[in-house]
Amino acid sequence: MLDVADDALIDAFERGDEAACEELYDRLVGTVEGTVRRILGRRDHHYEDLVQSSFEQIVKALASGRFGRACSLKTWAASVTSHTTFNELRRRTRERKVIGPSLELADERALRSPVLDAEDTEGLRRVLERIRWHLTDMNESRATSVFLHDVLGHDLSEIAVLSGVSVTAAQSRLFRGRKELQTRLAREGWIIARDGGDS
C-alpha cells in the first residue's frame, strides 16, 4: 500500500516540482538498479541503458497518471523495471533466432549442460542463466509472476495489484509459471526442488 511520503512525493512530481524529480530518483534508484542486476545476473554492457530506460518508463507513467497508487512506489517501480528488462532480453532472444544458430555464443551453448555440483559456483551460474533464458521465452504474465514472487519476494496481493488481476488469477499464473519453468528445466536435465509454499 502507498504510504503518505510516497503519496506526497507523487503529488509534488505531478505539480512539476523539480526537487520532487530528484527525490524520486534517489528513492527509487536502488530498487531499479537492484532489479536490473537480478534479472541480468551480472552487470553487462546493457546495464546502464536498462536502468535509464526503466526510469524513463517510470517517469512517463507518473506524468500521465498511469500509476494507480494501489501499492508502494518501490513495488511498482520494481514491476516496471522487470517488464522493461525482460522485454529487452526477449528482444535479444528474437534477434538471435533471426540471425541463426551459427552465431550462438559458445558460452551460451555451455550453459545448456545440465551438470551441477553443489559446491560448483560455475554450475550454479549455469542453472541461473538457464532459468533467466526460459523466463524470457515463457508467457510474459506467468514469467513476470514467477520473477516478482520467487525472486523479488512480492506477495500475491501485490502481484495482483501490479498485474490488474484478482489474487486467485495471480496465484494461478504463479502456479502455472512455476510448472512450465520446471518442465522446461527438466527437459534439459535440471531438477529444481521447491518447498511447496505458494504464498
N, C-alpha and C. Protein backbone atom coordinates (compact mmCIF):
# COMPACT_ATOMS: atom_id res chain seq x y z
N MET A 1 0.84 -1.19 0.00
CA MET A 1 0.00 0.00 0.00
C MET A 1 0.89 1.26 0.00
N LEU A 2 0.42 2.29 -0.70
CA LEU A 2 1.19 3.52 -0.81
C LEU A 2 1.22 4.26 0.52
N ASP A 3 2.42 4.65 0.97
CA ASP A 3 2.48 5.38 2.23
C ASP A 3 2.35 6.88 1.99
N VAL A 4 2.22 7.63 3.07
CA VAL A 4 1.96 9.07 2.99
C VAL A 4 3.10 9.80 2.29
N ALA A 5 4.35 9.40 2.58
CA ALA A 5 5.50 10.07 1.98
C ALA A 5 5.52 9.88 0.46
N ASP A 6 5.24 8.65 0.01
CA ASP A 6 5.20 8.39 -1.43
C ASP A 6 4.07 9.18 -2.09
N ASP A 7 2.93 9.22 -1.44
CA ASP A 7 1.77 9.94 -1.97
C ASP A 7 2.10 11.42 -2.16
N ALA A 8 2.73 12.01 -1.15
CA ALA A 8 3.10 13.42 -1.21
C ALA A 8 4.15 13.67 -2.30
N LEU A 9 5.09 12.72 -2.45
CA LEU A 9 6.12 12.86 -3.46
C LEU A 9 5.51 12.84 -4.87
N ILE A 10 4.57 11.94 -5.09
CA ILE A 10 3.93 11.84 -6.40
C ILE A 10 3.11 13.10 -6.69
N ASP A 11 2.43 13.62 -5.67
CA ASP A 11 1.68 14.87 -5.85
C ASP A 11 2.61 16.00 -6.27
N ALA A 12 3.76 16.08 -5.60
CA ALA A 12 4.73 17.14 -5.92
C ALA A 12 5.29 16.95 -7.33
N PHE A 13 5.55 15.70 -7.70
CA PHE A 13 6.06 15.40 -9.04
C PHE A 13 5.04 15.83 -10.10
N GLU A 14 3.78 15.51 -9.86
CA GLU A 14 2.73 15.86 -10.83
C GLU A 14 2.53 17.37 -10.95
N ARG A 15 2.90 18.11 -9.90
CA ARG A 15 2.83 19.58 -9.96
C ARG A 15 4.03 20.17 -10.70
N GLY A 16 5.02 19.33 -11.03
CA GLY A 16 6.20 19.80 -11.73
C GLY A 16 7.31 20.30 -10.82
N ASP A 17 7.27 19.91 -9.56
CA ASP A 17 8.29 20.31 -8.60
C ASP A 17 9.62 19.63 -8.95
N GLU A 18 10.65 20.44 -9.28
CA GLU A 18 11.95 19.88 -9.69
C GLU A 18 12.61 19.08 -8.57
N ALA A 19 12.44 19.54 -7.35
CA ALA A 19 13.05 18.82 -6.22
C ALA A 19 12.42 17.42 -6.10
N ALA A 20 11.16 17.31 -6.47
CA ALA A 20 10.48 16.01 -6.40
C ALA A 20 11.09 15.03 -7.38
N CYS A 21 11.52 15.53 -8.54
CA CYS A 21 12.17 14.66 -9.53
C CYS A 21 13.45 14.06 -8.97
N GLU A 22 14.25 14.88 -8.31
CA GLU A 22 15.49 14.40 -7.72
C GLU A 22 15.22 13.41 -6.60
N GLU A 23 14.22 13.72 -5.77
CA GLU A 23 13.88 12.83 -4.66
C GLU A 23 13.35 11.50 -5.18
N LEU A 24 12.57 11.56 -6.25
CA LEU A 24 12.04 10.34 -6.86
C LEU A 24 13.18 9.44 -7.30
N TYR A 25 14.17 10.03 -7.96
CA TYR A 25 15.33 9.26 -8.40
C TYR A 25 16.06 8.65 -7.20
N ASP A 26 16.33 9.47 -6.19
CA ASP A 26 17.04 9.00 -5.00
C ASP A 26 16.29 7.86 -4.31
N ARG A 27 14.97 7.95 -4.28
CA ARG A 27 14.16 6.96 -3.59
C ARG A 27 14.10 5.64 -4.35
N LEU A 28 14.17 5.71 -5.69
CA LEU A 28 13.94 4.50 -6.49
C LEU A 28 15.19 3.90 -7.14
N VAL A 29 16.30 4.64 -7.13
CA VAL A 29 17.47 4.16 -7.87
C VAL A 29 17.95 2.80 -7.37
N GLY A 30 17.94 2.57 -6.07
CA GLY A 30 18.38 1.28 -5.54
C GLY A 30 17.48 0.15 -5.99
N THR A 31 16.18 0.39 -6.00
CA THR A 31 15.21 -0.62 -6.44
C THR A 31 15.39 -0.94 -7.92
N VAL A 32 15.52 0.11 -8.74
CA VAL A 32 15.66 -0.09 -10.18
C VAL A 32 16.97 -0.82 -10.50
N GLU A 33 18.08 -0.34 -9.95
CA GLU A 33 19.37 -0.98 -10.23
C GLU A 33 19.40 -2.42 -9.73
N GLY A 34 18.86 -2.64 -8.54
CA GLY A 34 18.85 -3.99 -7.97
C GLY A 34 18.02 -4.95 -8.81
N THR A 35 16.88 -4.48 -9.32
CA THR A 35 16.02 -5.33 -10.15
C THR A 35 16.70 -5.69 -11.46
N VAL A 36 17.33 -4.71 -12.10
CA VAL A 36 18.05 -4.99 -13.35
C VAL A 36 19.17 -5.99 -13.11
N ARG A 37 19.92 -5.82 -12.02
CA ARG A 37 21.02 -6.74 -11.70
C ARG A 37 20.50 -8.16 -11.49
N ARG A 38 19.35 -8.28 -10.79
CA ARG A 38 18.82 -9.61 -10.51
C ARG A 38 18.38 -10.31 -11.79
N ILE A 39 17.84 -9.57 -12.73
CA ILE A 39 17.39 -10.18 -13.98
C ILE A 39 18.57 -10.54 -14.86
N LEU A 40 19.53 -9.64 -15.00
CA LEU A 40 20.68 -9.90 -15.86
C LEU A 40 21.64 -10.90 -15.24
N GLY A 41 21.65 -10.95 -13.91
CA GLY A 41 22.54 -11.88 -13.23
C GLY A 41 23.95 -11.35 -13.07
N ARG A 42 24.29 -10.41 -13.88
CA ARG A 42 25.60 -9.77 -13.79
C ARG A 42 25.50 -8.44 -14.52
N ARG A 43 26.45 -7.61 -14.34
CA ARG A 43 26.42 -6.29 -14.94
C ARG A 43 26.97 -6.36 -16.36
N ASP A 44 26.09 -6.41 -17.35
CA ASP A 44 26.57 -6.47 -18.72
C ASP A 44 26.53 -5.09 -19.36
N HIS A 45 26.88 -5.01 -20.64
CA HIS A 45 27.02 -3.70 -21.27
C HIS A 45 25.69 -2.99 -21.49
N HIS A 46 24.56 -3.68 -21.26
CA HIS A 46 23.25 -3.04 -21.39
C HIS A 46 22.73 -2.50 -20.04
N TYR A 47 23.49 -2.73 -18.98
CA TYR A 47 23.01 -2.40 -17.63
C TYR A 47 22.57 -0.94 -17.50
N GLU A 48 23.46 -0.02 -17.81
CA GLU A 48 23.14 1.41 -17.65
C GLU A 48 21.96 1.82 -18.52
N ASP A 49 21.91 1.30 -19.75
CA ASP A 49 20.80 1.62 -20.66
C ASP A 49 19.47 1.14 -20.10
N LEU A 50 19.47 -0.03 -19.49
CA LEU A 50 18.23 -0.59 -18.95
C LEU A 50 17.77 0.18 -17.71
N VAL A 51 18.71 0.61 -16.89
CA VAL A 51 18.36 1.46 -15.75
C VAL A 51 17.73 2.76 -16.25
N GLN A 52 18.36 3.36 -17.25
CA GLN A 52 17.84 4.60 -17.84
C GLN A 52 16.46 4.39 -18.46
N SER A 53 16.29 3.31 -19.22
CA SER A 53 15.01 3.03 -19.87
C SER A 53 13.91 2.80 -18.84
N SER A 54 14.26 2.13 -17.76
CA SER A 54 13.28 1.87 -16.70
C SER A 54 12.82 3.17 -16.06
N PHE A 55 13.77 4.06 -15.78
CA PHE A 55 13.40 5.36 -15.21
C PHE A 55 12.53 6.17 -16.18
N GLU A 56 12.84 6.07 -17.46
CA GLU A 56 12.02 6.78 -18.45
C GLU A 56 10.58 6.28 -18.41
N GLN A 57 10.41 4.95 -18.32
CA GLN A 57 9.06 4.39 -18.25
C GLN A 57 8.34 4.79 -16.97
N ILE A 58 9.08 4.83 -15.86
CA ILE A 58 8.50 5.24 -14.58
C ILE A 58 8.03 6.69 -14.65
N VAL A 59 8.88 7.56 -15.17
CA VAL A 59 8.54 8.99 -15.26
C VAL A 59 7.35 9.20 -16.20
N LYS A 60 7.35 8.52 -17.35
CA LYS A 60 6.23 8.65 -18.29
C LYS A 60 4.91 8.22 -17.65
N ALA A 61 4.95 7.11 -16.94
CA ALA A 61 3.73 6.59 -16.31
C ALA A 61 3.23 7.54 -15.22
N LEU A 62 4.15 8.08 -14.43
CA LEU A 62 3.75 9.02 -13.38
C LEU A 62 3.21 10.31 -13.99
N ALA A 63 3.86 10.80 -15.03
CA ALA A 63 3.45 12.06 -15.67
C ALA A 63 2.08 11.95 -16.31
N SER A 64 1.74 10.74 -16.77
CA SER A 64 0.44 10.56 -17.43
C SER A 64 -0.62 10.04 -16.47
N GLY A 65 -0.27 9.88 -15.20
CA GLY A 65 -1.23 9.44 -14.19
C GLY A 65 -1.58 7.97 -14.29
N ARG A 66 -0.69 7.15 -14.88
CA ARG A 66 -0.99 5.73 -15.04
C ARG A 66 -0.70 4.89 -13.80
N PHE A 67 -0.02 5.48 -12.81
CA PHE A 67 0.21 4.76 -11.56
C PHE A 67 -1.01 4.95 -10.66
N GLY A 68 -1.69 3.86 -10.38
CA GLY A 68 -2.94 3.95 -9.62
C GLY A 68 -2.78 4.09 -8.12
N ARG A 69 -1.54 4.09 -7.63
CA ARG A 69 -1.24 4.27 -6.20
C ARG A 69 -1.85 3.18 -5.32
N ALA A 70 -2.00 1.99 -5.87
CA ALA A 70 -2.60 0.90 -5.09
C ALA A 70 -1.55 0.06 -4.36
N CYS A 71 -0.27 0.32 -4.61
CA CYS A 71 0.80 -0.40 -3.93
C CYS A 71 1.93 0.60 -3.67
N SER A 72 2.98 0.14 -3.01
CA SER A 72 4.09 1.05 -2.71
C SER A 72 4.80 1.47 -3.98
N LEU A 73 5.41 2.63 -3.94
CA LEU A 73 6.13 3.17 -5.09
C LEU A 73 7.28 2.24 -5.49
N LYS A 74 8.00 1.69 -4.52
CA LYS A 74 9.12 0.81 -4.83
C LYS A 74 8.66 -0.50 -5.45
N THR A 75 7.55 -1.05 -4.95
CA THR A 75 6.99 -2.27 -5.53
C THR A 75 6.61 -2.05 -6.98
N TRP A 76 5.95 -0.93 -7.25
CA TRP A 76 5.54 -0.60 -8.61
C TRP A 76 6.76 -0.37 -9.51
N ALA A 77 7.76 0.34 -9.00
CA ALA A 77 8.98 0.61 -9.78
C ALA A 77 9.70 -0.70 -10.12
N ALA A 78 9.71 -1.65 -9.20
CA ALA A 78 10.33 -2.96 -9.47
C ALA A 78 9.59 -3.68 -10.58
N SER A 79 8.26 -3.56 -10.60
CA SER A 79 7.47 -4.19 -11.64
C SER A 79 7.73 -3.56 -13.00
N VAL A 80 7.77 -2.23 -13.06
CA VAL A 80 8.05 -1.52 -14.31
C VAL A 80 9.44 -1.91 -14.83
N THR A 81 10.41 -1.96 -13.92
CA THR A 81 11.78 -2.31 -14.30
C THR A 81 11.87 -3.74 -14.80
N SER A 82 11.16 -4.65 -14.13
CA SER A 82 11.14 -6.05 -14.56
C SER A 82 10.59 -6.15 -15.98
N HIS A 83 9.49 -5.47 -16.23
CA HIS A 83 8.86 -5.50 -17.54
C HIS A 83 9.82 -4.96 -18.61
N THR A 84 10.44 -3.83 -18.32
CA THR A 84 11.37 -3.20 -19.27
C THR A 84 12.56 -4.10 -19.57
N THR A 85 13.14 -4.70 -18.53
CA THR A 85 14.34 -5.52 -18.70
C THR A 85 14.02 -6.84 -19.39
N PHE A 86 12.92 -7.49 -19.01
CA PHE A 86 12.54 -8.73 -19.68
C PHE A 86 12.22 -8.48 -21.15
N ASN A 87 11.61 -7.35 -21.46
CA ASN A 87 11.35 -7.03 -22.86
C ASN A 87 12.65 -6.93 -23.66
N GLU A 88 13.67 -6.33 -23.03
CA GLU A 88 14.98 -6.23 -23.69
C GLU A 88 15.58 -7.62 -23.92
N LEU A 89 15.47 -8.50 -22.92
CA LEU A 89 16.00 -9.85 -23.07
C LEU A 89 15.24 -10.62 -24.14
N ARG A 90 13.92 -10.41 -24.20
CA ARG A 90 13.12 -11.07 -25.25
C ARG A 90 13.53 -10.56 -26.63
N ARG A 91 13.82 -9.26 -26.72
CA ARG A 91 14.26 -8.70 -28.00
C ARG A 91 15.57 -9.35 -28.43
N ARG A 92 16.49 -9.53 -27.49
CA ARG A 92 17.76 -10.17 -27.81
C ARG A 92 17.54 -11.60 -28.30
N THR A 93 16.63 -12.31 -27.62
CA THR A 93 16.34 -13.70 -27.99
C THR A 93 15.77 -13.77 -29.40
N ARG A 94 14.85 -12.85 -29.72
CA ARG A 94 14.28 -12.82 -31.07
C ARG A 94 15.35 -12.54 -32.11
N GLU A 95 16.26 -11.63 -31.79
CA GLU A 95 17.34 -11.30 -32.74
C GLU A 95 18.23 -12.51 -32.99
N ARG A 96 18.53 -13.26 -31.94
CA ARG A 96 19.37 -14.45 -32.10
C ARG A 96 18.69 -15.49 -32.98
N LYS A 97 17.37 -15.62 -32.82
CA LYS A 97 16.63 -16.59 -33.62
C LYS A 97 16.62 -16.18 -35.08
N VAL A 98 16.53 -14.87 -35.33
CA VAL A 98 16.53 -14.37 -36.71
C VAL A 98 17.92 -14.52 -37.34
N ILE A 99 18.95 -14.19 -36.55
CA ILE A 99 20.34 -14.27 -37.05
C ILE A 99 20.72 -15.71 -37.34
N GLY A 100 20.25 -16.62 -36.47
CA GLY A 100 20.52 -18.03 -36.69
C GLY A 100 21.47 -18.62 -35.68
N PRO A 101 21.42 -19.95 -35.52
CA PRO A 101 22.22 -20.63 -34.50
C PRO A 101 23.71 -20.61 -34.76
N SER A 102 24.13 -20.34 -35.97
CA SER A 102 25.57 -20.37 -36.26
C SER A 102 26.33 -19.30 -35.50
N LEU A 103 25.62 -18.22 -35.11
CA LEU A 103 26.29 -17.13 -34.39
C LEU A 103 26.06 -17.22 -32.88
N GLU A 104 25.51 -18.34 -32.41
CA GLU A 104 25.27 -18.50 -30.98
C GLU A 104 26.61 -18.53 -30.24
N LEU A 105 26.67 -17.87 -29.12
CA LEU A 105 27.92 -17.82 -28.36
C LEU A 105 28.27 -19.19 -27.79
N ALA A 106 29.54 -19.51 -27.77
CA ALA A 106 29.97 -20.78 -27.19
C ALA A 106 29.61 -20.83 -25.72
N ASP A 107 29.70 -19.69 -25.03
CA ASP A 107 29.36 -19.64 -23.62
C ASP A 107 27.90 -20.01 -23.40
N GLU A 108 27.01 -19.56 -24.28
CA GLU A 108 25.60 -19.87 -24.14
C GLU A 108 25.35 -21.35 -24.38
N ARG A 109 26.06 -21.95 -25.33
CA ARG A 109 25.93 -23.39 -25.56
C ARG A 109 26.36 -24.16 -24.31
N ALA A 110 27.42 -23.68 -23.67
CA ALA A 110 27.90 -24.35 -22.46
C ALA A 110 26.89 -24.29 -21.33
N LEU A 111 26.09 -23.23 -21.31
CA LEU A 111 25.10 -23.09 -20.24
C LEU A 111 24.03 -24.16 -20.30
N ARG A 112 23.90 -24.83 -21.44
CA ARG A 112 22.87 -25.84 -21.59
C ARG A 112 23.28 -27.18 -20.97
N SER A 113 24.52 -27.29 -20.58
CA SER A 113 24.99 -28.55 -20.00
C SER A 113 24.46 -28.69 -18.57
N PRO A 114 23.58 -29.68 -18.33
CA PRO A 114 22.96 -29.80 -17.00
C PRO A 114 23.84 -30.52 -15.99
N VAL A 115 25.07 -30.07 -15.83
CA VAL A 115 25.99 -30.67 -14.87
C VAL A 115 26.17 -29.69 -13.72
N LEU A 116 25.68 -30.07 -12.54
CA LEU A 116 25.72 -29.14 -11.41
C LEU A 116 26.23 -29.83 -10.17
N ASP A 117 27.34 -29.35 -9.66
CA ASP A 117 27.90 -29.81 -8.40
C ASP A 117 27.46 -28.82 -7.33
N ALA A 118 27.05 -29.32 -6.18
CA ALA A 118 26.54 -28.44 -5.11
C ALA A 118 27.56 -27.39 -4.70
N GLU A 119 28.84 -27.71 -4.84
CA GLU A 119 29.89 -26.78 -4.45
C GLU A 119 30.42 -25.96 -5.64
N ASP A 120 29.82 -26.17 -6.79
CA ASP A 120 30.34 -25.59 -8.02
C ASP A 120 29.66 -24.26 -8.33
N THR A 121 30.36 -23.16 -8.11
CA THR A 121 29.81 -21.83 -8.38
C THR A 121 29.47 -21.67 -9.85
N GLU A 122 30.33 -22.20 -10.72
CA GLU A 122 30.09 -22.10 -12.16
C GLU A 122 28.84 -22.88 -12.54
N GLY A 123 28.64 -24.02 -11.92
CA GLY A 123 27.44 -24.81 -12.19
C GLY A 123 26.18 -24.07 -11.77
N LEU A 124 26.25 -23.42 -10.62
CA LEU A 124 25.11 -22.63 -10.15
C LEU A 124 24.83 -21.48 -11.11
N ARG A 125 25.89 -20.86 -11.61
CA ARG A 125 25.71 -19.77 -12.57
C ARG A 125 25.00 -20.28 -13.83
N ARG A 126 25.37 -21.51 -14.25
CA ARG A 126 24.75 -22.07 -15.46
C ARG A 126 23.25 -22.28 -15.27
N VAL A 127 22.86 -22.83 -14.12
CA VAL A 127 21.42 -23.09 -13.92
C VAL A 127 20.65 -21.77 -13.80
N LEU A 128 21.25 -20.76 -13.16
CA LEU A 128 20.58 -19.46 -13.06
C LEU A 128 20.42 -18.82 -14.43
N GLU A 129 21.43 -18.97 -15.28
CA GLU A 129 21.34 -18.43 -16.64
C GLU A 129 20.25 -19.14 -17.42
N ARG A 130 20.12 -20.46 -17.23
CA ARG A 130 19.06 -21.19 -17.94
C ARG A 130 17.69 -20.75 -17.45
N ILE A 131 17.55 -20.51 -16.15
CA ILE A 131 16.27 -20.02 -15.62
C ILE A 131 15.93 -18.69 -16.25
N ARG A 132 16.89 -17.77 -16.31
CA ARG A 132 16.64 -16.47 -16.94
C ARG A 132 16.24 -16.63 -18.40
N TRP A 133 16.95 -17.49 -19.11
CA TRP A 133 16.66 -17.69 -20.53
C TRP A 133 15.23 -18.19 -20.72
N HIS A 134 14.84 -19.19 -19.91
CA HIS A 134 13.49 -19.75 -20.04
C HIS A 134 12.42 -18.72 -19.66
N LEU A 135 12.67 -17.91 -18.65
CA LEU A 135 11.69 -16.89 -18.27
C LEU A 135 11.44 -15.93 -19.42
N THR A 136 12.48 -15.59 -20.16
CA THR A 136 12.28 -14.66 -21.28
C THR A 136 11.55 -15.31 -22.44
N ASP A 137 11.52 -16.63 -22.47
CA ASP A 137 10.88 -17.36 -23.57
C ASP A 137 9.47 -17.81 -23.21
N MET A 138 9.07 -17.62 -21.95
CA MET A 138 7.76 -18.06 -21.47
C MET A 138 6.69 -17.00 -21.70
N ASN A 139 5.44 -17.39 -21.46
CA ASN A 139 4.34 -16.44 -21.43
C ASN A 139 4.68 -15.31 -20.48
N GLU A 140 4.53 -14.08 -20.94
CA GLU A 140 5.01 -12.94 -20.17
C GLU A 140 4.36 -12.81 -18.79
N SER A 141 3.05 -13.00 -18.70
CA SER A 141 2.37 -12.82 -17.41
C SER A 141 2.80 -13.88 -16.41
N ARG A 142 3.02 -15.10 -16.87
CA ARG A 142 3.46 -16.17 -15.96
C ARG A 142 4.90 -15.94 -15.53
N ALA A 143 5.76 -15.59 -16.49
CA ALA A 143 7.17 -15.36 -16.16
C ALA A 143 7.31 -14.20 -15.19
N THR A 144 6.53 -13.13 -15.41
CA THR A 144 6.60 -11.96 -14.53
C THR A 144 6.13 -12.33 -13.13
N SER A 145 5.08 -13.14 -13.02
CA SER A 145 4.58 -13.56 -11.71
C SER A 145 5.63 -14.36 -10.95
N VAL A 146 6.30 -15.28 -11.64
CA VAL A 146 7.36 -16.08 -11.01
C VAL A 146 8.49 -15.18 -10.54
N PHE A 147 8.91 -14.26 -11.39
CA PHE A 147 10.02 -13.38 -11.03
C PHE A 147 9.66 -12.47 -9.86
N LEU A 148 8.48 -11.83 -9.92
CA LEU A 148 8.08 -10.91 -8.85
C LEU A 148 7.95 -11.65 -7.52
N HIS A 149 7.43 -12.87 -7.55
CA HIS A 149 7.20 -13.62 -6.30
C HIS A 149 8.46 -14.31 -5.81
N ASP A 150 9.06 -15.13 -6.66
CA ASP A 150 10.15 -16.00 -6.22
C ASP A 150 11.51 -15.32 -6.17
N VAL A 151 11.69 -14.26 -6.96
CA VAL A 151 12.99 -13.57 -6.96
C VAL A 151 12.93 -12.27 -6.16
N LEU A 152 11.92 -11.43 -6.45
CA LEU A 152 11.83 -10.14 -5.75
C LEU A 152 11.09 -10.22 -4.42
N GLY A 153 10.35 -11.29 -4.19
CA GLY A 153 9.73 -11.51 -2.89
C GLY A 153 8.40 -10.80 -2.66
N HIS A 154 7.72 -10.37 -3.74
CA HIS A 154 6.42 -9.74 -3.57
C HIS A 154 5.36 -10.80 -3.30
N ASP A 155 4.38 -10.44 -2.45
CA ASP A 155 3.33 -11.41 -2.17
C ASP A 155 2.26 -11.37 -3.26
N LEU A 156 1.34 -12.34 -3.20
CA LEU A 156 0.34 -12.48 -4.26
C LEU A 156 -0.58 -11.26 -4.37
N SER A 157 -0.89 -10.64 -3.24
CA SER A 157 -1.78 -9.47 -3.29
C SER A 157 -1.10 -8.31 -4.02
N GLU A 158 0.21 -8.15 -3.82
CA GLU A 158 0.94 -7.09 -4.54
C GLU A 158 1.01 -7.41 -6.04
N ILE A 159 1.28 -8.66 -6.36
CA ILE A 159 1.35 -9.05 -7.76
C ILE A 159 0.00 -8.86 -8.44
N ALA A 160 -1.07 -9.15 -7.72
CA ALA A 160 -2.42 -8.97 -8.27
C ALA A 160 -2.66 -7.50 -8.61
N VAL A 161 -2.27 -6.60 -7.70
CA VAL A 161 -2.44 -5.16 -7.94
C VAL A 161 -1.61 -4.72 -9.14
N LEU A 162 -0.34 -5.15 -9.17
CA LEU A 162 0.55 -4.76 -10.26
C LEU A 162 0.08 -5.27 -11.61
N SER A 163 -0.55 -6.45 -11.61
CA SER A 163 -0.98 -7.07 -12.86
C SER A 163 -2.41 -6.71 -13.24
N GLY A 164 -3.14 -6.10 -12.32
CA GLY A 164 -4.53 -5.75 -12.60
C GLY A 164 -5.45 -6.95 -12.66
N VAL A 165 -5.13 -7.98 -11.84
CA VAL A 165 -5.97 -9.19 -11.81
C VAL A 165 -6.32 -9.52 -10.36
N SER A 166 -7.18 -10.51 -10.17
CA SER A 166 -7.53 -10.95 -8.82
C SER A 166 -6.37 -11.73 -8.21
N VAL A 167 -6.40 -11.89 -6.89
CA VAL A 167 -5.37 -12.68 -6.20
C VAL A 167 -5.41 -14.12 -6.71
N THR A 168 -6.61 -14.64 -6.95
CA THR A 168 -6.75 -16.01 -7.47
C THR A 168 -6.07 -16.16 -8.82
N ALA A 169 -6.27 -15.16 -9.69
CA ALA A 169 -5.64 -15.19 -11.02
C ALA A 169 -4.13 -15.09 -10.90
N ALA A 170 -3.66 -14.23 -9.99
CA ALA A 170 -2.22 -14.09 -9.77
C ALA A 170 -1.62 -15.41 -9.28
N GLN A 171 -2.34 -16.08 -8.38
CA GLN A 171 -1.87 -17.36 -7.86
C GLN A 171 -1.82 -18.41 -8.97
N SER A 172 -2.84 -18.39 -9.85
CA SER A 172 -2.88 -19.33 -10.96
C SER A 172 -1.70 -19.09 -11.90
N ARG A 173 -1.42 -17.82 -12.20
CA ARG A 173 -0.28 -17.50 -13.07
C ARG A 173 1.03 -17.97 -12.46
N LEU A 174 1.17 -17.76 -11.14
CA LEU A 174 2.39 -18.18 -10.45
C LEU A 174 2.54 -19.70 -10.51
N PHE A 175 1.46 -20.41 -10.22
CA PHE A 175 1.50 -21.88 -10.21
C PHE A 175 1.83 -22.41 -11.61
N ARG A 176 1.15 -21.87 -12.63
CA ARG A 176 1.37 -22.33 -13.99
C ARG A 176 2.77 -21.94 -14.49
N GLY A 177 3.24 -20.75 -14.07
CA GLY A 177 4.57 -20.32 -14.46
C GLY A 177 5.65 -21.20 -13.87
N ARG A 178 5.50 -21.53 -12.57
CA ARG A 178 6.48 -22.42 -11.93
C ARG A 178 6.48 -23.79 -12.60
N LYS A 179 5.28 -24.30 -12.90
CA LYS A 179 5.18 -25.62 -13.51
C LYS A 179 5.84 -25.63 -14.88
N GLU A 180 5.58 -24.58 -15.67
CA GLU A 180 6.19 -24.51 -17.00
C GLU A 180 7.70 -24.40 -16.90
N LEU A 181 8.19 -23.57 -15.97
CA LEU A 181 9.64 -23.42 -15.81
C LEU A 181 10.28 -24.73 -15.40
N GLN A 182 9.66 -25.44 -14.45
CA GLN A 182 10.22 -26.72 -14.01
C GLN A 182 10.21 -27.75 -15.13
N THR A 183 9.15 -27.75 -15.95
CA THR A 183 9.08 -28.68 -17.09
C THR A 183 10.19 -28.39 -18.09
N ARG A 184 10.40 -27.11 -18.39
CA ARG A 184 11.44 -26.72 -19.33
C ARG A 184 12.82 -27.15 -18.83
N LEU A 185 13.07 -26.89 -17.54
CA LEU A 185 14.38 -27.24 -16.98
C LEU A 185 14.57 -28.75 -16.91
N ALA A 186 13.48 -29.48 -16.61
CA ALA A 186 13.56 -30.94 -16.52
C ALA A 186 13.93 -31.55 -17.86
N ARG A 187 13.45 -30.93 -18.95
CA ARG A 187 13.79 -31.43 -20.29
C ARG A 187 15.30 -31.35 -20.54
N GLU A 188 15.96 -30.42 -19.88
CA GLU A 188 17.41 -30.25 -20.03
C GLU A 188 18.19 -31.03 -18.98
N GLY A 189 17.46 -31.70 -18.09
CA GLY A 189 18.12 -32.49 -17.06
C GLY A 189 18.29 -31.81 -15.72
N TRP A 190 17.77 -30.56 -15.60
CA TRP A 190 17.87 -29.85 -14.34
C TRP A 190 16.69 -30.26 -13.46
N ILE A 191 16.93 -30.43 -12.18
CA ILE A 191 15.86 -30.70 -11.22
C ILE A 191 15.89 -29.59 -10.20
N ILE A 192 14.78 -28.82 -10.12
CA ILE A 192 14.69 -27.70 -9.18
C ILE A 192 13.66 -28.05 -8.12
N ALA A 193 14.12 -28.23 -6.89
CA ALA A 193 13.21 -28.59 -5.80
C ALA A 193 12.62 -27.33 -5.17
N ARG A 194 11.33 -27.41 -4.80
CA ARG A 194 10.67 -26.30 -4.11
C ARG A 194 10.14 -26.84 -2.79
N ASP A 195 9.92 -25.89 -1.84
CA ASP A 195 9.45 -26.30 -0.53
C ASP A 195 7.94 -26.46 -0.46
N GLY A 196 7.23 -26.14 -1.56
CA GLY A 196 5.78 -26.31 -1.58
C GLY A 196 5.00 -25.11 -1.18
N GLY A 197 5.64 -24.06 -0.64
CA GLY A 197 4.91 -22.86 -0.24
C GLY A 197 4.58 -21.99 -1.43
N ASP A 198 3.33 -21.54 -1.55
CA ASP A 198 2.92 -20.75 -2.70
C ASP A 198 2.46 -19.36 -2.32
N SER A 199 2.55 -18.95 -1.09
CA SER A 199 2.04 -17.65 -0.70
C SER A 199 3.16 -16.64 -0.58
